[in-house]
């Protein structure tokens, strides 16, 4: 793992480099800005539950064999398809 704190253009951050055997490999990265996410917990191999600093929560379920996911947030289920999606306010 490389710490970006040594790079003058970054305040903090890390880069993960990993070598794995071929086959069906999946990675989930939850990115948070300014502490907006207080926890992220994987459930199974395709779902993550996220607790937000606002007290709200979100659940994201990823497709296994295609690009896409479903976001459950603020009482709505939102299909996350390839492209740019507008999030609820």
C-alpha atoms as a PDB file:
ATOM      1  CA  UNK A   1       0.000   0.000   0.000  1.00  0.00           C
ATOM      2  CA  UNK A   2       1.310   3.446  -0.916  1.00  0.00           C
ATOM      3  CA  UNK A   3       0.556   6.379   1.409  1.00  0.00           C
ATOM      4  CA  UNK A   4      -0.156   9.571  -0.498  1.00  0.00           C
ATOM      5  CA  UNK A   5       0.812  11.652   2.552  1.00  0.00           C
ATOM      6  CA  UNK A   6       4.349  11.590   1.114  1.00  0.00           C
ATOM      7  CA  UNK A   7       3.161  13.206  -2.149  1.00  0.00           C
ATOM      8  CA  UNK A   8       3.119  17.036  -2.081  1.00  0.00           C
ATOM      9  CA  UNK A   9      -0.157  17.285  -4.056  1.00  0.00           C
ATOM     10  CA  UNK A  10      -2.205  15.231  -1.542  1.00  0.00           C
ATOM     11  CA  UNK A  11      -3.237  15.776   2.086  1.00  0.00           C
ATOM     12  CA  UNK A  12      -3.828  12.066   2.662  1.00  0.00           C
ATOM     13  CA  UNK A  13      -4.986   8.865   1.003  1.00  0.00           C
ATOM     14  CA  UNK A  14      -3.795   5.439  -0.002  1.00  0.00           C
ATOM     15  CA  UNK A  15      -3.440   3.332  -3.119  1.00  0.00           C
ATOM     16  CA  UNK A  16      -3.982  -0.426  -2.874  1.00  0.00           C
ATOM     17  CA  UNK A  17      -1.915  -2.638  -5.183  1.00  0.00           C
ATOM     18  CA  UNK A  18      -2.751  -6.324  -5.102  1.00  0.00           C
ATOM     19  CA  UNK A  19      -1.991  -9.363  -7.214  1.00  0.00           C
ATOM     20  CA  UNK A  20      -4.603 -12.127  -7.231  1.00  0.00           C
ATOM     21  CA  UNK A  21      -5.194 -15.325  -9.131  1.00  0.00           C
ATOM     22  CA  UNK A  22      -7.421 -15.189 -12.213  1.00  0.00           C
ATOM     23  CA  UNK A  23     -11.113 -15.806 -11.945  1.00  0.00           C
ATOM     24  CA  UNK A  24     -14.109 -13.988 -10.527  1.00  0.00           C
ATOM     25  CA  UNK A  25     -12.636 -11.220  -8.344  1.00  0.00           C
ATOM     26  CA  UNK A  26     -14.692  -8.360  -6.909  1.00  0.00           C
ATOM     27  CA  UNK A  27     -13.625  -5.272  -5.004  1.00  0.00           C
ATOM     28  CA  UNK A  28     -15.755  -2.694  -3.292  1.00  0.00           C
ATOM     29  CA  UNK A  29     -14.333   0.722  -2.424  1.00  0.00           C
ATOM     30  CA  UNK A  30     -16.402   3.161  -0.400  1.00  0.00           C
ATOM     31  CA  UNK A  31     -15.090   6.704  -0.753  1.00  0.00           C
ATOM     32  CA  UNK A  32     -16.057   9.323   1.794  1.00  0.00           C
ATOM     33  CA  UNK A  33     -15.394  13.047   1.737  1.00  0.00           C
ATOM     34  CA  UNK A  34     -15.010  14.983   4.999  1.00  0.00           C
ATOM     35  CA  UNK A  35     -16.189  12.057   7.167  1.00  0.00           C
ATOM     36  CA  UNK A  36     -19.597  11.760   5.456  1.00  0.00           C
ATOM     37  CA  UNK A  37     -19.536   7.950   5.873  1.00  0.00           C
ATOM     38  CA  UNK A  38     -19.183   6.669   9.427  1.00  0.00           C
ATOM     39  CA  UNK A  39     -19.180   2.965   8.532  1.00  0.00           C
ATOM     40  CA  UNK A  40     -19.486   0.625   5.573  1.00  0.00           C
ATOM     41  CA  UNK A  41     -20.307  -3.037   6.144  1.00  0.00           C
ATOM     42  CA  UNK A  42     -20.328  -5.694   3.428  1.00  0.00           C
ATOM     43  CA  UNK A  43     -23.169  -8.202   3.564  1.00  0.00           C
ATOM     44  CA  UNK A  44     -22.463 -11.113   1.294  1.00  0.00           C
ATOM     45  CA  UNK A  45     -20.429 -10.564  -1.843  1.00  0.00           C
ATOM     46  CA  UNK A  46     -22.642  -7.983  -3.550  1.00  0.00           C
ATOM     47  CA  UNK A  47     -24.194  -5.670  -0.948  1.00  0.00           C
ATOM     48  CA  UNK A  48     -22.868  -2.933   1.332  1.00  0.00           C
ATOM     49  CA  UNK A  49     -24.688  -1.079   4.113  1.00  0.00           C
ATOM     50  CA  UNK A  50     -23.436   2.465   4.657  1.00  0.00           C
ATOM     51  CA  UNK A  51     -24.053   4.633   7.728  1.00  0.00           C
ATOM     52  CA  UNK A  52     -23.839   8.355   7.039  1.00  0.00           C
ATOM     53  CA  UNK A  53     -22.720  11.059   9.459  1.00  0.00           C
ATOM     54  CA  UNK A  54     -26.171  12.681   9.028  1.00  0.00           C
ATOM     55  CA  UNK A  55     -27.754   9.664  10.749  1.00  0.00           C
ATOM     56  CA  UNK A  56     -29.198   8.363   7.474  1.00  0.00           C
ATOM     57  CA  UNK A  57     -28.200   5.085   5.874  1.00  0.00           C
ATOM     58  CA  UNK A  58     -27.933   3.634   2.403  1.00  0.00           C
ATOM     59  CA  UNK A  59     -27.704   0.128   1.006  1.00  0.00           C
ATOM     60  CA  UNK A  60     -26.119  -0.643  -2.346  1.00  0.00           C
ATOM     61  CA  UNK A  61     -26.591  -3.991  -4.077  1.00  0.00           C
ATOM     62  CA  UNK A  62     -24.303  -4.643  -7.041  1.00  0.00           C
ATOM     63  CA  UNK A  63     -25.100  -6.719 -10.113  1.00  0.00           C
ATOM     64  CA  UNK A  64     -23.022  -9.885 -10.415  1.00  0.00           C
ATOM     65  CA  UNK A  65     -22.727 -10.281 -14.160  1.00  0.00           C
ATOM     66  CA  UNK A  66     -23.312  -6.794 -15.575  1.00  0.00           C
ATOM     67  CA  UNK A  67     -22.399  -3.185 -14.787  1.00  0.00           C
ATOM     68  CA  UNK A  68     -24.888  -1.625 -12.412  1.00  0.00           C
ATOM     69  CA  UNK A  69     -26.348  -1.582  -8.931  1.00  0.00           C
ATOM     70  CA  UNK A  70     -29.396  -0.574  -6.918  1.00  0.00           C
ATOM     71  CA  UNK A  71     -29.172   2.154  -4.274  1.00  0.00           C
ATOM     72  CA  UNK A  72     -31.707   2.167  -1.429  1.00  0.00           C
ATOM     73  CA  UNK A  73     -31.611   5.684   0.048  1.00  0.00           C
ATOM     74  CA  UNK A  74     -34.168   8.023   1.646  1.00  0.00           C
ATOM     75  CA  UNK A  75     -37.025   5.587   1.005  1.00  0.00           C
ATOM     76  CA  UNK A  76     -36.282   5.222  -2.702  1.00  0.00           C
ATOM     77  CA  UNK A  77     -34.736   2.405  -4.728  1.00  0.00           C
ATOM     78  CA  UNK A  78     -32.612   3.909  -7.461  1.00  0.00           C
ATOM     79  CA  UNK A  79     -31.166   1.889 -10.350  1.00  0.00           C
ATOM     80  CA  UNK A  80     -27.512   2.781 -10.897  1.00  0.00           C
ATOM     81  CA  UNK A  81     -26.941   2.024 -14.547  1.00  0.00           C
ATOM     82  CA  UNK A  82     -23.905   2.817 -16.707  1.00  0.00           C
ATOM     83  CA  UNK A  83     -23.695   6.562 -17.240  1.00  0.00           C
ATOM     84  CA  UNK A  84     -24.430   9.536 -14.985  1.00  0.00           C
ATOM     85  CA  UNK A  85     -27.365   9.381 -12.554  1.00  0.00           C
ATOM     86  CA  UNK A  86     -29.003  12.271 -10.705  1.00  0.00           C
ATOM     87  CA  UNK A  87     -29.267  11.593  -6.979  1.00  0.00           C
ATOM     88  CA  UNK A  88     -32.264  12.698  -4.856  1.00  0.00           C
ATOM     89  CA  UNK A  89     -31.830  15.863  -2.791  1.00  0.00           C
END
